[in-house]
Amino acid sequence: MTRIALVVSDVDGTLLTKDKILTDGAKSAVSALHRAGIGFTIVSSRPTIGMGFLIEPLAITLPIGAFNGSSIVDAELKPIEQHLIAPAVARRSLGLLNQFGVDIWLFTNDRWYTRNPDGEYVPHEQLAIKHDPTIIADFTPHLAGACKIVGASSDAALLARCEAAMQQAVGREATAVRSQTYYLDVTPAGHDKGTFVDAMAKRLGISMDAIVTIGDMQNDLAMFARSGVSFAMGNATDDVKKRATHVTDTNEHDGFARAIEALLKLG
């Protein structure tokens, strides 16, 4: 077996509990990786502004991936590589989300915009990313800087249908995939968590076989496909679990830490 050189982890549903808590077990697991000389970083659908609070407690020094890997920033959150949704595609995506009647958010590198301050998941996102939204009447002035557009809804079946329709609508011009059952993310074309793993392998000069990935959602499958070993969280859906090398416990029962413990035993 190739010696593990890098672990790349998803954040929500994987590294954090449902209440967005980084457990002592997770922190200890990452410390164990550092002691073993194994690199660690994170990639998430989160905006850049929602990743900073994890840097210090996890002693992350490597680049991290925001917006499903379409933006790569250093440990001080300064952009290394950034890609945007084409304005025409952003406009088309907003139109479709309007048709489905879901709440809409637009993220730039440093702002979160919404037209609806009372949206169902606004408090949840405020807790998650530790930032407040900027309330606007019209998204149009911000289309040229769109890093991510989100459709939010508690109707999981509706959002699944919206995901399929969005994939048809944007084709190869953007990536449309749910990061949670209640969030549909539209991000720049040609960049996902898999391309982030590619970029890290190239930057570190390591093989894909030396990389372990951990996640829980459909947007994690792209990195599962690239890495030598993958762990699906116990809270993942069955189709995600089937695509992983291993399945660990849930994020409510320190599944991330258990995965790290297992891979360290593998050597």
Protein backbone atom coordinates (compact mmCIF):
# COMPACT_ATOMS: atom_id res chain seq x y z
CA MET A 1 0.00 0.00 0.00
CA THR A 2 1.22 3.52 -0.84
CA ARG A 3 2.05 5.52 2.28
CA ILE A 4 -0.62 8.13 3.02
CA ALA A 5 0.73 11.65 2.53
CA LEU A 6 -2.41 13.80 2.63
CA VAL A 7 -5.95 13.76 4.02
CA VAL A 8 -8.55 16.02 2.40
CA SER A 9 -11.78 16.41 4.35
CA ASP A 10 -15.19 17.87 3.67
CA VAL A 11 -16.46 20.19 6.43
CA ASP A 12 -20.24 20.12 7.00
CA GLY A 13 -21.63 16.69 7.78
CA THR A 14 -18.08 15.36 8.08
CA LEU A 15 -15.66 17.39 10.16
CA LEU A 16 -18.40 19.24 12.06
CA THR A 17 -21.46 18.00 13.94
CA LYS A 18 -24.95 19.01 12.81
CA ASP A 19 -24.67 21.92 15.29
CA LYS A 20 -21.48 23.06 13.52
CA ILE A 21 -19.21 22.05 16.39
CA LEU A 22 -15.62 20.93 15.89
CA THR A 23 -15.28 18.20 18.50
CA ASP A 24 -12.24 17.52 20.65
CA GLY A 25 -12.07 14.13 18.95
CA ALA A 26 -11.77 15.74 15.53
CA LYS A 27 -9.08 18.15 16.73
CA SER A 28 -7.13 15.31 18.33
CA ALA A 29 -7.39 13.24 15.15
CA VAL A 30 -5.91 16.04 13.03
CA SER A 31 -3.14 16.51 15.61
CA ALA A 32 -2.37 12.80 15.23
CA LEU A 33 -2.06 13.28 11.47
CA HIS A 34 0.38 16.15 11.97
CA ARG A 35 2.46 14.03 14.37
CA ALA A 36 2.53 11.23 11.79
CA GLY A 37 3.82 13.62 9.14
CA ILE A 38 0.61 13.43 7.11
CA GLY A 39 -0.70 16.61 5.55
CA PHE A 40 -4.24 17.79 6.24
CA THR A 41 -6.54 20.25 4.55
CA ILE A 42 -10.22 20.92 3.92
CA VAL A 43 -12.43 21.51 0.90
CA SER A 44 -16.03 22.62 1.16
CA SER A 45 -18.97 24.16 -0.59
CA ARG A 46 -18.64 26.88 2.04
CA PRO A 47 -17.61 30.38 1.04
CA THR A 48 -14.09 31.50 1.85
CA ILE A 49 -15.42 33.66 4.69
CA GLY A 50 -16.91 30.58 6.33
CA MET A 51 -13.68 28.56 6.54
CA GLY A 52 -11.35 30.76 8.57
CA PHE A 53 -12.48 29.64 12.01
CA LEU A 54 -11.10 26.12 11.33
CA ILE A 55 -7.55 27.15 10.42
CA GLU A 56 -6.11 27.73 13.90
CA PRO A 57 -7.69 24.85 15.87
CA LEU A 58 -6.64 22.38 13.17
CA ALA A 59 -3.22 23.99 12.58
CA ILE A 60 -3.86 24.04 8.82
CA THR A 61 -0.94 25.40 6.80
CA LEU A 62 -1.78 23.94 3.39
CA PRO A 63 -4.09 25.64 0.85
CA ILE A 64 -7.81 25.06 1.38
CA GLY A 65 -10.66 24.78 -1.13
CA ALA A 66 -13.75 26.97 -0.93
CA PHE A 67 -16.87 26.98 -3.13
CA ASN A 68 -16.53 23.23 -3.85
CA GLY A 69 -12.88 23.73 -4.78
CA SER A 70 -13.41 26.41 -7.44
CA SER A 71 -11.49 28.82 -5.22
CA ILE A 72 -8.18 27.85 -3.63
CA VAL A 73 -6.89 30.09 -0.85
CA ASP A 74 -3.92 29.99 1.48
CA ALA A 75 -4.12 29.58 5.24
CA GLU A 76 -4.65 33.35 5.57
CA LEU A 77 -7.61 33.08 3.14
CA LYS A 78 -5.79 34.97 0.40
CA PRO A 79 -6.71 33.73 -3.10
CA ILE A 80 -4.25 31.45 -4.88
CA GLU A 81 -6.62 30.50 -7.68
CA GLN A 82 -10.17 31.71 -8.18
CA HIS A 83 -12.88 31.04 -10.74
CA LEU A 84 -16.27 32.71 -11.22
CA ILE A 85 -19.62 31.74 -12.70
CA ALA A 86 -20.13 33.44 -16.07
CA PRO A 87 -22.71 36.25 -15.63
CA ALA A 88 -25.07 34.81 -18.27
CA VAL A 89 -24.99 31.41 -16.53
CA ALA A 90 -25.53 33.07 -13.16
CA ARG A 91 -28.61 34.86 -14.55
CA ARG A 92 -29.97 31.60 -15.99
CA SER A 93 -29.42 29.81 -12.66
CA LEU A 94 -31.25 32.51 -10.73
CA GLY A 95 -34.17 32.27 -13.14
CA LEU A 96 -34.51 28.53 -12.62
CA LEU A 97 -34.28 28.79 -8.84
CA ASN A 98 -37.03 31.42 -8.98
CA GLN A 99 -39.19 29.00 -10.98
CA PHE A 100 -38.81 26.35 -8.28
CA GLY A 101 -39.65 28.88 -5.58
CA VAL A 102 -36.61 28.18 -3.39
CA ASP A 103 -34.70 30.74 -1.37
CA ILE A 104 -31.72 32.15 -3.29
CA TRP A 105 -28.28 33.24 -2.09
CA LEU A 106 -25.34 34.61 -4.06
CA PHE A 107 -21.79 34.50 -2.72
CA THR A 108 -18.84 36.55 -3.88
CA ASN A 109 -15.35 36.07 -2.45
CA ASP A 110 -16.14 38.25 0.57
CA ARG A 111 -19.94 38.68 0.75
CA TRP A 112 -23.13 36.68 1.13
CA TYR A 113 -26.12 38.29 -0.60
CA THR A 114 -29.81 37.48 -0.22
CA ARG A 115 -33.08 39.21 -1.00
CA ASN A 116 -34.85 37.48 1.88
CA PRO A 117 -33.51 38.10 5.40
CA ASP A 118 -36.22 35.82 6.78
CA GLY A 119 -35.28 32.82 4.64
CA GLU A 120 -35.73 29.46 6.34
CA TYR A 121 -32.02 28.60 6.37
CA VAL A 122 -30.57 32.08 6.93
CA PRO A 123 -30.08 31.53 10.70
CA HIS A 124 -28.52 28.14 9.98
CA GLU A 125 -26.04 29.65 7.54
CA GLN A 126 -25.23 32.50 9.92
CA LEU A 127 -24.35 29.91 12.56
CA ALA A 128 -22.40 27.81 10.09
CA ILE A 129 -20.20 30.43 8.45
CA LYS A 130 -20.20 32.94 11.32
CA HIS A 131 -21.13 35.82 9.01
CA ASP A 132 -24.30 37.79 8.35
CA PRO A 133 -25.84 38.24 4.89
CA THR A 134 -26.00 41.51 3.00
CA ILE A 135 -29.64 42.18 2.12
CA ILE A 136 -30.25 43.43 -1.42
CA ALA A 137 -33.25 43.97 -3.68
CA ASP A 138 -31.61 42.74 -6.88
CA PHE A 139 -28.79 40.28 -7.59
CA THR A 140 -27.96 41.84 -10.97
CA PRO A 141 -25.14 44.18 -9.82
CA HIS A 142 -23.30 41.20 -8.32
CA LEU A 143 -23.52 38.68 -11.16
CA ALA A 144 -20.01 39.48 -12.43
CA GLY A 145 -18.47 38.41 -9.11
CA ALA A 146 -20.50 35.27 -8.40
CA CYS A 147 -18.43 32.47 -6.87
CA LYS A 148 -21.46 30.42 -5.86
CA ILE A 149 -25.25 30.56 -6.13
CA VAL A 150 -27.33 28.52 -3.70
CA GLY A 151 -30.91 27.35 -3.75
CA ALA A 152 -32.07 26.55 -0.20
CA SER A 153 -35.18 24.55 0.68
CA SER A 154 -36.33 22.11 3.34
CA ASP A 155 -38.27 20.24 0.63
CA ALA A 156 -35.57 17.67 -0.23
CA ALA A 157 -37.57 16.08 -3.04
CA LEU A 158 -38.23 19.48 -4.64
CA LEU A 159 -34.54 20.37 -4.42
CA ALA A 160 -33.57 17.03 -5.99
CA ARG A 161 -35.83 17.85 -8.94
CA CYS A 162 -34.36 21.33 -9.06
CA GLU A 163 -30.86 19.82 -9.12
CA ALA A 164 -31.72 17.70 -12.16
CA ALA A 165 -33.29 20.66 -13.93
CA MET A 166 -30.34 22.90 -13.09
CA GLN A 167 -27.87 20.37 -14.46
CA GLN A 168 -29.82 20.39 -17.71
CA ALA A 169 -30.03 24.19 -17.74
CA VAL A 170 -26.32 24.90 -17.15
CA GLY A 171 -24.89 21.87 -18.94
CA ARG A 172 -21.11 22.15 -18.96
CA GLU A 173 -21.18 25.86 -18.21
CA ALA A 174 -21.38 25.33 -14.44
CA THR A 175 -21.44 22.59 -11.82
CA ALA A 176 -24.78 22.06 -10.06
CA VAL A 177 -24.88 19.62 -7.14
CA ARG A 178 -26.39 19.43 -3.67
CA SER A 179 -23.94 19.96 -0.82
CA GLN A 180 -26.67 19.12 1.69
CA THR A 181 -30.18 17.78 1.18
CA TYR A 182 -31.35 21.38 1.67
CA TYR A 183 -28.69 23.26 -0.39
CA LEU A 184 -28.22 23.16 -4.15
CA ASP A 185 -24.91 24.76 -5.15
CA VAL A 186 -24.09 26.22 -8.54
CA THR A 187 -20.35 26.79 -8.92
CA PRO A 188 -17.92 27.51 -11.79
CA ALA A 189 -17.61 24.90 -14.52
CA GLY A 190 -14.66 22.54 -14.60
CA HIS A 191 -13.82 22.90 -10.92
CA ASP A 192 -14.98 20.68 -8.09
CA LYS A 193 -13.61 18.86 -5.08
CA GLY A 194 -11.91 16.41 -7.42
CA THR A 195 -9.97 19.13 -9.23
CA PHE A 196 -8.97 20.50 -5.82
CA VAL A 197 -7.48 17.10 -4.98
CA ASP A 198 -5.69 17.15 -8.35
CA ALA A 199 -4.26 20.57 -7.55
CA MET A 200 -3.06 19.48 -4.11
CA ALA A 201 -1.39 16.36 -5.52
CA LYS A 202 0.44 18.49 -8.06
CA ARG A 203 1.42 21.13 -5.49
CA LEU A 204 2.79 18.54 -3.06
CA GLY A 205 4.27 16.26 -5.70
CA ILE A 206 2.43 13.19 -4.47
CA SER A 207 0.42 10.47 -6.20
CA MET A 208 -3.34 10.15 -5.98
CA ASP A 209 -2.85 6.82 -4.25
CA ALA A 210 -1.25 8.70 -1.34
CA ILE A 211 -4.37 10.80 -0.73
CA VAL A 212 -7.31 9.96 1.54
CA THR A 213 -10.62 11.83 1.20
CA ILE A 214 -13.52 11.97 3.66
CA GLY A 215 -17.04 13.23 2.96
CA ASP A 216 -20.77 12.67 3.12
CA MET A 217 -22.55 14.15 0.10
CA GLN A 218 -22.83 13.91 -3.69
CA ASN A 219 -20.41 16.80 -4.13
CA ASP A 220 -17.76 14.68 -2.38
CA LEU A 221 -17.93 11.92 -5.00
CA ALA A 222 -15.60 13.81 -7.34
CA MET A 223 -12.81 13.66 -4.76
CA PHE A 224 -13.61 10.06 -3.85
CA ALA A 225 -13.01 9.19 -7.50
CA ARG A 226 -9.56 10.79 -7.46
CA SER A 227 -8.10 9.58 -4.17
CA GLY A 228 -6.52 6.25 -3.40
CA VAL A 229 -8.69 5.76 -0.31
CA SER A 230 -12.03 7.35 0.57
CA PHE A 231 -14.24 7.32 3.65
CA ALA A 232 -17.98 8.00 3.53
CA MET A 233 -19.54 9.22 6.73
CA GLY A 234 -22.15 7.07 8.42
CA ASN A 235 -24.68 9.86 7.84
CA ALA A 236 -24.09 9.74 4.07
CA THR A 237 -26.74 8.41 1.73
CA ASP A 238 -26.41 4.84 0.47
CA ASP A 239 -25.32 5.94 -3.01
CA VAL A 240 -22.43 7.94 -1.52
CA LYS A 241 -21.44 5.06 0.75
CA LYS A 242 -21.33 2.68 -2.22
CA ARG A 243 -18.78 4.90 -3.95
CA ALA A 244 -16.36 5.04 -1.00
CA THR A 245 -13.60 2.62 -0.05
CA HIS A 246 -14.73 2.58 3.58
CA VAL A 247 -17.67 3.77 5.68
CA THR A 248 -17.09 5.32 9.10
CA ASP A 249 -19.46 6.41 11.88
CA THR A 250 -21.73 9.46 11.68
CA ASN A 251 -20.66 13.04 12.30
CA GLU A 252 -22.63 12.96 15.54
CA HIS A 253 -20.48 10.08 16.79
CA ASP A 254 -17.01 11.32 15.82
CA GLY A 255 -17.00 9.45 12.52
CA PHE A 256 -14.24 11.72 11.22
CA ALA A 257 -11.98 10.86 14.15
CA ARG A 258 -12.75 7.16 13.73
CA ALA A 259 -11.80 7.35 10.06
CA ILE A 260 -8.47 8.97 10.92
CA GLU A 261 -7.84 6.32 13.55
CA ALA A 262 -8.51 3.59 10.98
CA LEU A 263 -6.26 5.07 8.31
CA LEU A 264 -3.39 5.56 10.78
CA LYS A 265 -3.65 1.85 11.58
CA LEU A 266 -3.38 1.14 7.84
CA GLY A 267 -0.01 2.85 7.91
